[in-house]
Structure formats: structure tokens, C-alpha cells
C-alpha atoms as a PDB file:
ATOM      1  CA  MET A   1      99.548 127.447  95.226  1.00  0.00           C
ATOM      2  CA  VAL A   2     101.741 127.691  98.277  1.00  0.00           C
ATOM      3  CA  ARG A   3     104.088 125.752 100.418  1.00  0.00           C
ATOM      4  CA  VAL A   4     102.392 125.073 103.738  1.00  0.00           C
ATOM      5  CA  ASP A   5     103.514 123.896 107.157  1.00  0.00           C
ATOM      6  CA  PHE A   6     102.464 120.465 108.317  1.00  0.00           C
ATOM      7  CA  GLU A   7     100.684 122.155 111.235  1.00  0.00           C
ATOM      8  CA  ASP A   8      98.281 123.707 108.732  1.00  0.00           C
ATOM      9  CA  TRP A   9      97.156 120.182 107.851  1.00  0.00           C
ATOM     10  CA  GLU A  10      96.742 118.951 111.413  1.00  0.00           C
ATOM     11  CA  GLY A  11      94.191 116.153 111.513  1.00  0.00           C
ATOM     12  CA  LYS A  12      94.277 115.638 107.740  1.00  0.00           C
ATOM     13  CA  GLU A  13      95.811 112.697 105.915  1.00  0.00           C
ATOM     14  CA  VAL A  14      98.908 113.550 103.883  1.00  0.00           C
ATOM     15  CA  ALA A  15     100.992 111.523 101.447  1.00  0.00           C
ATOM     16  CA  ARG A  16     104.576 111.848 100.318  1.00  0.00           C
ATOM     17  CA  ILE A  17     104.506 111.999  96.543  1.00  0.00           C
ATOM     18  CA  TYR A  18     108.115 112.767  95.649  1.00  0.00           C
ATOM     19  CA  ILE A  19     111.605 112.896  97.070  1.00  0.00           C
ATOM     20  CA  ALA A  20     114.106 115.120  95.269  1.00  0.00           C
ATOM     21  CA  GLY A  21     117.809 114.445  95.580  1.00  0.00           C
ATOM     22  CA  ARG A  22     119.035 117.666  93.988  1.00  0.00           C
ATOM     23  CA  VAL A  23     118.161 121.325  94.429  1.00  0.00           C
ATOM     24  CA  ALA A  24     117.385 121.794  90.729  1.00  0.00           C
ATOM     25  CA  GLU A  25     115.014 118.822  90.846  1.00  0.00           C
ATOM     26  CA  ALA A  26     113.280 120.176  93.961  1.00  0.00           C
ATOM     27  CA  LEU A  27     112.788 123.544  92.282  1.00  0.00           C
ATOM     28  CA  LEU A  28     111.152 121.864  89.283  1.00  0.00           C
ATOM     29  CA  VAL A  29     108.819 119.912  91.566  1.00  0.00           C
ATOM     30  CA  GLU A  30     107.862 123.119  93.399  1.00  0.00           C
ATOM     31  CA  LYS A  31     107.242 124.915  90.099  1.00  0.00           C
ATOM     32  CA  THR A  32     105.099 122.078  88.741  1.00  0.00           C
ATOM     33  CA  LEU A  33     102.974 121.768  91.883  1.00  0.00           C
ATOM     34  CA  SER A  34     102.504 125.542  92.045  1.00  0.00           C
ATOM     35  CA  GLU A  35     101.503 125.752  88.383  1.00  0.00           C
ATOM     36  CA  HIS A  36      98.828 123.115  89.017  1.00  0.00           C
ATOM     37  CA  GLY A  37      97.444 124.898  92.093  1.00  0.00           C
ATOM     38  CA  ILE A  38      98.541 122.204  94.533  1.00  0.00           C
ATOM     39  CA  ASP A  39      99.411 123.050  98.136  1.00  0.00           C
ATOM     40  CA  TYR A  40     102.435 121.096  99.376  1.00  0.00           C
ATOM     41  CA  ALA A  41     104.656 120.706 102.413  1.00  0.00           C
ATOM     42  CA  LEU A  42     108.375 119.923 102.498  1.00  0.00           C
ATOM     43  CA  ASP A  43     110.544 117.848 104.790  1.00  0.00           C
ATOM     44  CA  ILE A  44     114.262 117.049 104.683  1.00  0.00           C
ATOM     45  CA  GLU A  45     114.595 113.280 104.656  1.00  0.00           C
ATOM     46  CA  PRO A  46     117.272 110.663 104.140  1.00  0.00           C
ATOM     47  CA  PHE A  47     117.067 108.560 101.012  1.00  0.00           C
ATOM     48  CA  ARG A  48     119.225 105.823  99.542  1.00  0.00           C
ATOM     49  CA  ILE A  49     120.533 105.386  96.049  1.00  0.00           C
ATOM     50  CA  MET A  50     122.734 102.719  94.550  1.00  0.00           C
ATOM     51  CA  ILE A  51     126.055 103.882  93.124  1.00  0.00           C
ATOM     52  CA  LEU A  52     126.918 101.878  90.004  1.00  0.00           C
ATOM     53  CA  GLY A  53     124.095  99.551  90.990  1.00  0.00           C
ATOM     54  CA  LEU A  54     126.261  98.019  93.713  1.00  0.00           C
ATOM     55  CA  PHE A  55     127.032 100.444  96.510  1.00  0.00           C
ATOM     56  CA  PRO A  56     124.240 101.928  98.620  1.00  0.00           C
ATOM     57  CA  SER A  57     124.725 105.542  99.547  1.00  0.00           C
ATOM     58  CA  GLU A  58     122.532 107.692 101.775  1.00  0.00           C
ATOM     59  CA  TYR A  59     121.852 111.375 101.149  1.00  0.00           C
ATOM     60  CA  ASN A  60     119.452 114.020 102.381  1.00  0.00           C
ATOM     61  CA  GLY A  61     116.677 114.935  99.999  1.00  0.00           C
ATOM     62  CA  VAL A  62     113.502 116.985  99.985  1.00  0.00           C
ATOM     63  CA  GLY A  63     110.269 115.080 100.537  1.00  0.00           C
ATOM     64  CA  PHE A  64     107.158 116.637  98.995  1.00  0.00           C
ATOM     65  CA  TYR A  65     103.827 116.017 100.701  1.00  0.00           C
ATOM     66  CA  VAL A  66     100.286 116.815  99.624  1.00  0.00           C
ATOM     67  CA  LEU A  67      96.863 116.084 101.020  1.00  0.00           C
ATOM     68  CA  SER A  68      96.162 112.416 100.325  1.00  0.00           C
ATOM     69  CA  ARG A  69      93.141 113.188  98.162  1.00  0.00           C
ATOM     70  CA  GLN A  70      95.448 115.134  95.788  1.00  0.00           C
ATOM     71  CA  ALA A  71      98.191 112.495  95.593  1.00  0.00           C
ATOM     72  CA  GLY A  72      97.108 110.897  92.309  1.00  0.00           C
ATOM     73  CA  PHE A  73      96.596 114.211  90.521  1.00  0.00           C
ATOM     74  CA  SER A  74      99.905 115.521  91.879  1.00  0.00           C
ATOM     75  CA  LYS A  75     101.855 112.464  90.731  1.00  0.00           C
ATOM     76  CA  ARG A  76     100.356 112.650  87.266  1.00  0.00           C
ATOM     77  CA  ALA A  77     101.306 116.339  87.017  1.00  0.00           C
ATOM     78  CA  LEU A  78     104.889 115.521  88.026  1.00  0.00           C
ATOM     79  CA  LEU A  79     105.104 112.637  85.556  1.00  0.00           C
ATOM     80  CA  ASP A  80     103.735 114.856  82.771  1.00  0.00           C
ATOM     81  CA  ALA A  81     106.501 117.359  83.618  1.00  0.00           C
ATOM     82  CA  GLY A  82     109.129 114.629  83.199  1.00  0.00           C
ATOM     83  CA  LEU A  83     109.780 114.233  86.918  1.00  0.00           C
ATOM     84  CA  GLN A  84     109.836 110.497  87.398  1.00  0.00           C
ATOM     85  CA  ALA A  85     112.953 109.597  89.407  1.00  0.00           C
ATOM     86  CA  GLY A  86     111.593 110.534  92.831  1.00  0.00           C
ATOM     87  CA  ILE A  87     107.921 109.581  92.409  1.00  0.00           C
ATOM     88  CA  GLU A  88     106.537 107.574  95.292  1.00  0.00           C
ATOM     89  CA  GLU A  89     105.126 104.457  93.679  1.00  0.00           C
ATOM     90  CA  ASP A  90     103.672 102.723  96.723  1.00  0.00           C
ATOM     91  CA  GLU A  91     100.180 103.988  95.989  1.00  0.00           C
ATOM     92  CA  PHE A  92      99.308 105.617  92.699  1.00  0.00           C
ATOM     93  CA  ASP A  93      95.760 106.967  92.767  1.00  0.00           C
END
């Protein structure tokens, strides 16, 4: 489907389903969501990773949002495509 602006979803519940830390990863997420007919919105967001498991480091990444009712389906599609690192695991529908 298409990338949408958050304003297009005004009044609707949205959920962040993925945060990509690299451009190549973000492009794969976009491709996967599009191939499955899922509308999504993007936002640049800070995220933290641990370097060598010891040192926290903060970067900017791309947050992917979908309508909440599509969150479970969207996450499954991303997992099936091998995109696991940035999956939001707080609520898996």
C-alpha cells in the first residue's frame, strides 16, 4: 500500500510495530509492508542499543506505525520476512 501521514489517521489508534536502525533495514520493512497491502506511517525516533553488551549508545532510527488493528498481522509479516531485530514486542496480537 502506501506510506501515509499521521494526520490521515487522526482519531484512530496506531501502534509502533518496528524501529529500524539502518537504511537498508528500513527499506526492507517498507517493501514487506507494501507487499502485504499494509498502510504505514514513519517517524524518526531515538533508540538505544548496547555496544558489546556493555555500553549504551543512542541513535536515530525509523519507527514504523500501522493502525492498531493491523499490528499483529504486520508483525507476523515482518517476522516471516526475517525482520526480527526491531520488532516491538510489548503487545503481539
